Amino acid sequence: MKPNNKNKMLLAGFVVILYFCYSFAISNTIQYYKEYKEKEQQIADDSNMPNLVAQLLQKEKQLDQVLSQYEINVSDSFQNDLLKQLSSYSTKYKLKITDFQEPHSITQKGFITTSYIFTLEGSFNGSLALLNQIENNPKLGAIKHLNFTKKKNYKTNTDQLFVEVIMQTSKGI
């Protein structure tokens, strides 16, 4: 090979090696540098935390006022209140309460969570209407699980719809 061809091959090899170096090392370095600058900016923005804490405390006071309007209080007869509400709603929507199990309580991280499990029988639309009434009443708690089951009654040759509902209430210790 002539020295001229060697120089061209050397130059082409240098360009290829330069491209690989950029694609594998230099581009990653530039990317990490940009991420570093973004994180540094976030840390600088976090220096406004005392203002954010004051805003959050103000928001907490507002939410406490809103919650006090709903008169949320957990009494010892919560189960009786729940049964009264369920029976009034079930007569309104033509449903039957077929099962109401004993409440299950769990103490975790300073809160007592009580689960109430009950089963309703009736139409799908009536069940949804009753569940909507329960969800929209903040005194009753939150619905955590629903299980719709369709069973065939062979004596009457009809289908029956059962809804198992798990409701939970939480209160601090």
C-alpha atoms as a PDB file:
ATOM      1  CA  MET A   1       0.000   0.000   0.000  1.00  0.00           C
ATOM      2  CA  LYS A   2       1.074   3.474  -0.727  1.00  0.00           C
ATOM      3  CA  PRO A   3       1.461   5.981   2.102  1.00  0.00           C
ATOM      4  CA  ASN A   4      -1.439   7.987   0.689  1.00  0.00           C
ATOM      5  CA  ASN A   5      -3.862   5.023   1.057  1.00  0.00           C
ATOM      6  CA  LYS A   6      -2.524   4.349   4.556  1.00  0.00           C
ATOM      7  CA  ASN A   7      -3.276   7.925   5.564  1.00  0.00           C
ATOM      8  CA  LYS A   8      -6.832   7.663   4.192  1.00  0.00           C
ATOM      9  CA  MET A   9      -7.421   4.376   6.066  1.00  0.00           C
ATOM     10  CA  LEU A  10      -5.972   5.888   9.234  1.00  0.00           C
ATOM     11  CA  LEU A  11      -8.253   8.915   8.930  1.00  0.00           C
ATOM     12  CA  ALA A  12     -11.322   6.730   8.285  1.00  0.00           C
ATOM     13  CA  GLY A  13     -10.462   4.516  11.303  1.00  0.00           C
ATOM     14  CA  PHE A  14     -10.023   7.599  13.459  1.00  0.00           C
ATOM     15  CA  VAL A  15     -13.480   8.908  12.433  1.00  0.00           C
ATOM     16  CA  VAL A  16     -15.105   5.523  13.189  1.00  0.00           C
ATOM     17  CA  ILE A  17     -13.403   5.317  16.605  1.00  0.00           C
ATOM     18  CA  LEU A  18     -14.427   8.907  17.331  1.00  0.00           C
ATOM     19  CA  TYR A  19     -18.058   8.060  16.478  1.00  0.00           C
ATOM     20  CA  PHE A  20     -18.044   5.013  18.798  1.00  0.00           C
ATOM     21  CA  CYS A  21     -16.503   7.029  21.626  1.00  0.00           C
ATOM     22  CA  TYR A  22     -19.197   9.670  21.281  1.00  0.00           C
ATOM     23  CA  SER A  23     -22.065   7.218  21.071  1.00  0.00           C
ATOM     24  CA  PHE A  24     -20.954   5.105  24.045  1.00  0.00           C
ATOM     25  CA  ALA A  25     -19.242   7.535  26.411  1.00  0.00           C
ATOM     26  CA  ILE A  26     -19.583  11.194  25.625  1.00  0.00           C
ATOM     27  CA  SER A  27     -23.336  11.204  24.937  1.00  0.00           C
ATOM     28  CA  ASN A  28     -23.994   9.410  28.254  1.00  0.00           C
ATOM     29  CA  THR A  29     -21.798  11.933  30.058  1.00  0.00           C
ATOM     30  CA  ILE A  30     -23.780  14.815  28.553  1.00  0.00           C
ATOM     31  CA  GLN A  31     -27.066  13.132  29.527  1.00  0.00           C
ATOM     32  CA  TYR A  32     -25.920  12.588  33.115  1.00  0.00           C
ATOM     33  CA  TYR A  33     -24.718  16.182  33.328  1.00  0.00           C
ATOM     34  CA  LYS A  34     -28.184  17.419  32.263  1.00  0.00           C
ATOM     35  CA  GLU A  35     -29.814  15.184  34.898  1.00  0.00           C
ATOM     36  CA  TYR A  36     -27.406  16.535  37.496  1.00  0.00           C
ATOM     37  CA  LYS A  37     -28.354  20.114  36.633  1.00  0.00           C
ATOM     38  CA  GLU A  38     -32.084  19.256  36.862  1.00  0.00           C
ATOM     39  CA  LYS A  39     -31.636  17.670  40.302  1.00  0.00           C
ATOM     40  CA  GLU A  40     -29.601  20.631  41.439  1.00  0.00           C
ATOM     41  CA  GLN A  41     -32.457  22.922  40.345  1.00  0.00           C
ATOM     42  CA  GLN A  42     -34.973  20.791  42.233  1.00  0.00           C
ATOM     43  CA  ILE A  43     -32.889  21.055  45.390  1.00  0.00           C
ATOM     44  CA  ALA A  44     -32.760  24.813  44.960  1.00  0.00           C
ATOM     45  CA  ASP A  45     -36.543  24.873  44.532  1.00  0.00           C
ATOM     46  CA  ASP A  46     -36.947  22.828  47.706  1.00  0.00           C
ATOM     47  CA  SER A  47     -35.437  25.672  49.674  1.00  0.00           C
ATOM     48  CA  ASN A  48     -38.967  27.137  49.606  1.00  0.00           C
ATOM     49  CA  MET A  49     -40.186  24.303  51.856  1.00  0.00           C
ATOM     50  CA  PRO A  50     -41.170  26.527  54.815  1.00  0.00           C
ATOM     51  CA  ASN A  51     -43.607  28.358  52.542  1.00  0.00           C
ATOM     52  CA  LEU A  52     -44.983  25.040  51.318  1.00  0.00           C
ATOM     53  CA  VAL A  53     -45.433  23.788  54.898  1.00  0.00           C
ATOM     54  CA  ALA A  54     -47.376  26.933  55.790  1.00  0.00           C
ATOM     55  CA  GLN A  55     -49.633  26.433  52.768  1.00  0.00           C
ATOM     56  CA  LEU A  56     -50.244  22.795  53.698  1.00  0.00           C
ATOM     57  CA  LEU A  57     -51.162  23.756  57.269  1.00  0.00           C
ATOM     58  CA  GLN A  58     -53.653  26.306  55.926  1.00  0.00           C
ATOM     59  CA  LYS A  59     -55.138  23.665  53.617  1.00  0.00           C
ATOM     60  CA  GLU A  60     -55.432  21.240  56.546  1.00  0.00           C
ATOM     61  CA  LYS A  61     -57.409  23.802  58.535  1.00  0.00           C
ATOM     62  CA  GLN A  62     -59.764  24.312  55.592  1.00  0.00           C
ATOM     63  CA  LEU A  63     -60.307  20.580  55.211  1.00  0.00           C
ATOM     64  CA  ASP A  64     -60.978  20.213  58.947  1.00  0.00           C
ATOM     65  CA  GLN A  65     -63.690  22.868  58.649  1.00  0.00           C
ATOM     66  CA  VAL A  66     -65.293  21.059  55.715  1.00  0.00           C
ATOM     67  CA  LEU A  67     -65.212  17.723  57.546  1.00  0.00           C
ATOM     68  CA  SER A  68     -66.751  19.257  60.657  1.00  0.00           C
ATOM     69  CA  GLN A  69     -69.772  20.243  58.547  1.00  0.00           C
ATOM     70  CA  TYR A  70     -70.473  16.569  57.842  1.00  0.00           C
ATOM     71  CA  GLU A  71     -70.543  15.850  61.591  1.00  0.00           C
ATOM     72  CA  ILE A  72     -68.447  12.725  61.249  1.00  0.00           C
ATOM     73  CA  ASN A  73     -68.305  10.951  64.558  1.00  0.00           C
ATOM     74  CA  VAL A  74     -67.826   7.282  65.189  1.00  0.00           C
ATOM     75  CA  SER A  75     -70.133   6.099  67.929  1.00  0.00           C
ATOM     76  CA  ASP A  76     -70.163   2.786  69.735  1.00  0.00           C
ATOM     77  CA  SER A  77     -73.389   1.873  67.970  1.00  0.00           C
ATOM     78  CA  PHE A  78     -71.971   2.342  64.476  1.00  0.00           C
ATOM     79  CA  GLN A  79     -73.019  -1.179  63.578  1.00  0.00           C
ATOM     80  CA  ASN A  80     -76.604  -0.389  64.602  1.00  0.00           C
ATOM     81  CA  ASP A  81     -76.533   2.837  62.584  1.00  0.00           C
ATOM     82  CA  LEU A  82     -75.240   0.924  59.566  1.00  0.00           C
ATOM     83  CA  LEU A  83     -77.968  -1.700  59.926  1.00  0.00           C
ATOM     84  CA  LYS A  84     -80.657   0.998  60.177  1.00  0.00           C
ATOM     85  CA  GLN A  85     -79.378   2.692  57.032  1.00  0.00           C
ATOM     86  CA  LEU A  86     -79.118  -0.619  55.181  1.00  0.00           C
ATOM     87  CA  SER A  87     -82.618  -1.705  56.174  1.00  0.00           C
ATOM     88  CA  SER A  88     -84.159   1.624  55.143  1.00  0.00           C
ATOM     89  CA  TYR A  89     -82.311   1.611  51.803  1.00  0.00           C
ATOM     90  CA  SER A  90     -83.074  -2.058  51.191  1.00  0.00           C
ATOM     91  CA  THR A  91     -86.830  -1.547  51.639  1.00  0.00           C
ATOM     92  CA  LYS A  92     -86.636   1.468  49.340  1.00  0.00           C
ATOM     93  CA  TYR A  93     -84.830  -0.496  46.601  1.00  0.00           C
ATOM     94  CA  LYS A  94     -86.586  -3.857  47.246  1.00  0.00           C
ATOM     95  CA  LEU A  95     -83.517  -5.751  48.417  1.00  0.00           C
ATOM     96  CA  LYS A  96     -82.985  -8.305  51.199  1.00  0.00           C
ATOM     97  CA  ILE A  97     -80.120  -8.354  53.676  1.00  0.00           C
ATOM     98  CA  THR A  98     -79.241 -12.041  53.696  1.00  0.00           C
ATOM     99  CA  ASP A  99     -76.066 -11.937  55.790  1.00  0.00           C
ATOM    100  CA  PHE A 100     -74.423  -9.475  58.180  1.00  0.00           C
ATOM    101  CA  GLN A 101     -71.221 -10.851  59.674  1.00  0.00           C
ATOM    102  CA  GLU A 102     -69.526  -9.772  62.857  1.00  0.00           C
ATOM    103  CA  PRO A 103     -67.148  -6.814  62.347  1.00  0.00           C
ATOM    104  CA  HIS A 104     -63.433  -7.467  61.965  1.00  0.00           C
ATOM    105  CA  SER A 105     -60.991  -4.963  63.525  1.00  0.00           C
ATOM    106  CA  ILE A 106     -57.311  -4.410  62.773  1.00  0.00           C
ATOM    107  CA  THR A 107     -54.957  -2.075  64.644  1.00  0.00           C
ATOM    108  CA  GLN A 108     -52.200  -0.760  62.412  1.00  0.00           C
ATOM    109  CA  LYS A 109     -49.953   2.318  62.570  1.00  0.00           C
ATOM    110  CA  GLY A 110     -52.028   4.075  65.223  1.00  0.00           C
ATOM    111  CA  PHE A 111     -55.401   3.494  63.545  1.00  0.00           C
ATOM    112  CA  ILE A 112     -58.165   1.013  64.196  1.00  0.00           C
ATOM    113  CA  THR A 113     -59.709  -0.182  60.943  1.00  0.00           C
ATOM    114  CA  THR A 114     -63.023  -2.006  61.272  1.00  0.00           C
ATOM    115  CA  SER A 115     -64.462  -4.022  58.374  1.00  0.00           C
ATOM    116  CA  TYR A 116     -68.163  -4.808  58.078  1.00  0.00           C
ATOM    117  CA  ILE A 117     -69.200  -7.601  55.712  1.00  0.00           C
ATOM    118  CA  PHE A 118     -72.788  -7.989  54.580  1.00  0.00           C
ATOM    119  CA  THR A 119     -74.647  -9.632  51.703  1.00  0.00           C
ATOM    120  CA  LEU A 120     -77.637  -8.297  49.790  1.00  0.00           C
ATOM    121  CA  GLU A 121     -80.035 -10.094  47.481  1.00  0.00           C
ATOM    122  CA  GLY A 122     -82.072  -8.432  44.742  1.00  0.00           C
ATOM    123  CA  SER A 123     -81.894  -6.694  41.407  1.00  0.00           C
ATOM    124  CA  PHE A 124     -78.695  -5.309  39.921  1.00  0.00           C
ATOM    125  CA  ASN A 125     -80.065  -1.770  39.544  1.00  0.00           C
ATOM    126  CA  GLY A 126     -81.409  -1.765  43.097  1.00  0.00           C
ATOM    127  CA  SER A 127     -78.063  -2.993  44.417  1.00  0.00           C
ATOM    128  CA  LEU A 128     -76.174  -0.282  42.541  1.00  0.00           C
ATOM    129  CA  ALA A 129     -78.574   2.387  43.806  1.00  0.00           C
ATOM    130  CA  LEU A 130     -78.126   1.217  47.406  1.00  0.00           C
ATOM    131  CA  LEU A 131     -74.335   1.095  47.031  1.00  0.00           C
ATOM    132  CA  ASN A 132     -74.386   4.605  45.578  1.00  0.00           C
ATOM    133  CA  GLN A 133     -76.388   5.845  48.581  1.00  0.00           C
ATOM    134  CA  ILE A 134     -73.880   4.239  50.947  1.00  0.00           C
ATOM    135  CA  GLU A 135     -70.862   5.681  49.095  1.00  0.00           C
ATOM    136  CA  ASN A 136     -72.317   9.184  49.124  1.00  0.00           C
ATOM    137  CA  ASN A 137     -72.900   9.104  52.890  1.00  0.00           C
ATOM    138  CA  PRO A 138     -69.523   9.936  54.490  1.00  0.00           C
ATOM    139  CA  LYS A 139     -70.724   8.877  57.964  1.00  0.00           C
ATOM    140  CA  LEU A 140     -70.949   5.231  56.933  1.00  0.00           C
ATOM    141  CA  GLY A 141     -67.360   4.682  55.807  1.00  0.00           C
ATOM    142  CA  ALA A 142     -65.891   3.498  52.531  1.00  0.00           C
ATOM    143  CA  ILE A 143     -66.773   0.517  50.375  1.00  0.00           C
ATOM    144  CA  LYS A 144     -63.594  -1.501  49.837  1.00  0.00           C
ATOM    145  CA  HIS A 145     -64.811  -4.571  47.970  1.00  0.00           C
ATOM    146  CA  LEU A 146     -67.845  -5.794  46.016  1.00  0.00           C
ATOM    147  CA  ASN A 147     -68.549  -9.330  44.852  1.00  0.00           C
ATOM    148  CA  PHE A 148     -71.554  -9.905  42.606  1.00  0.00           C
ATOM    149  CA  THR A 149     -72.677 -13.537  42.417  1.00  0.00           C
ATOM    150  CA  LYS A 150     -75.490 -14.933  40.301  1.00  0.00           C
ATOM    151  CA  LYS A 151     -77.015 -18.180  41.610  1.00  0.00           C
ATOM    152  CA  LYS A 152     -79.726 -20.368  40.141  1.00  0.00           C
ATOM    153  CA  ASN A 153     -82.622 -21.358  42.423  1.00  0.00           C
ATOM    154  CA  TYR A 154     -83.664 -24.756  41.090  1.00  0.00           C
ATOM    155  CA  LYS A 155     -86.870 -24.898  43.149  1.00  0.00           C
ATOM    156  CA  THR A 156     -88.338 -21.798  41.529  1.00  0.00           C
ATOM    157  CA  ASN A 157     -86.197 -21.990  38.362  1.00  0.00           C
ATOM    158  CA  THR A 158     -85.100 -18.356  38.730  1.00  0.00           C
ATOM    159  CA  ASP A 159     -81.765 -16.570  38.946  1.00  0.00           C
ATOM    160  CA  GLN A 160     -80.847 -14.673  42.091  1.00  0.00           C
ATOM    161  CA  LEU A 161     -78.207 -11.950  42.372  1.00  0.00           C
ATOM    162  CA  PHE A 162     -76.175 -11.666  45.576  1.00  0.00           C
ATOM    163  CA  VAL A 163     -73.813  -8.796  46.400  1.00  0.00           C
ATOM    164  CA  GLU A 164     -71.193  -9.228  49.097  1.00  0.00           C
ATOM    165  CA  VAL A 165     -69.963  -5.847  50.359  1.00  0.00           C
ATOM    166  CA  ILE A 166     -66.980  -5.076  52.565  1.00  0.00           C
ATOM    167  CA  MET A 167     -67.082  -1.629  54.180  1.00  0.00           C
ATOM    168  CA  GLN A 168     -64.303  -0.132  56.271  1.00  0.00           C
ATOM    169  CA  THR A 169     -64.151   2.631  58.821  1.00  0.00           C
ATOM    170  CA  SER A 170     -60.988   3.966  60.419  1.00  0.00           C
ATOM    171  CA  LYS A 171     -60.395   5.940  63.568  1.00  0.00           C
ATOM    172  CA  GLY A 172     -57.318   6.988  65.464  1.00  0.00           C
ATOM    173  CA  ILE A 173     -56.327   5.404  68.732  1.00  0.00           C
END
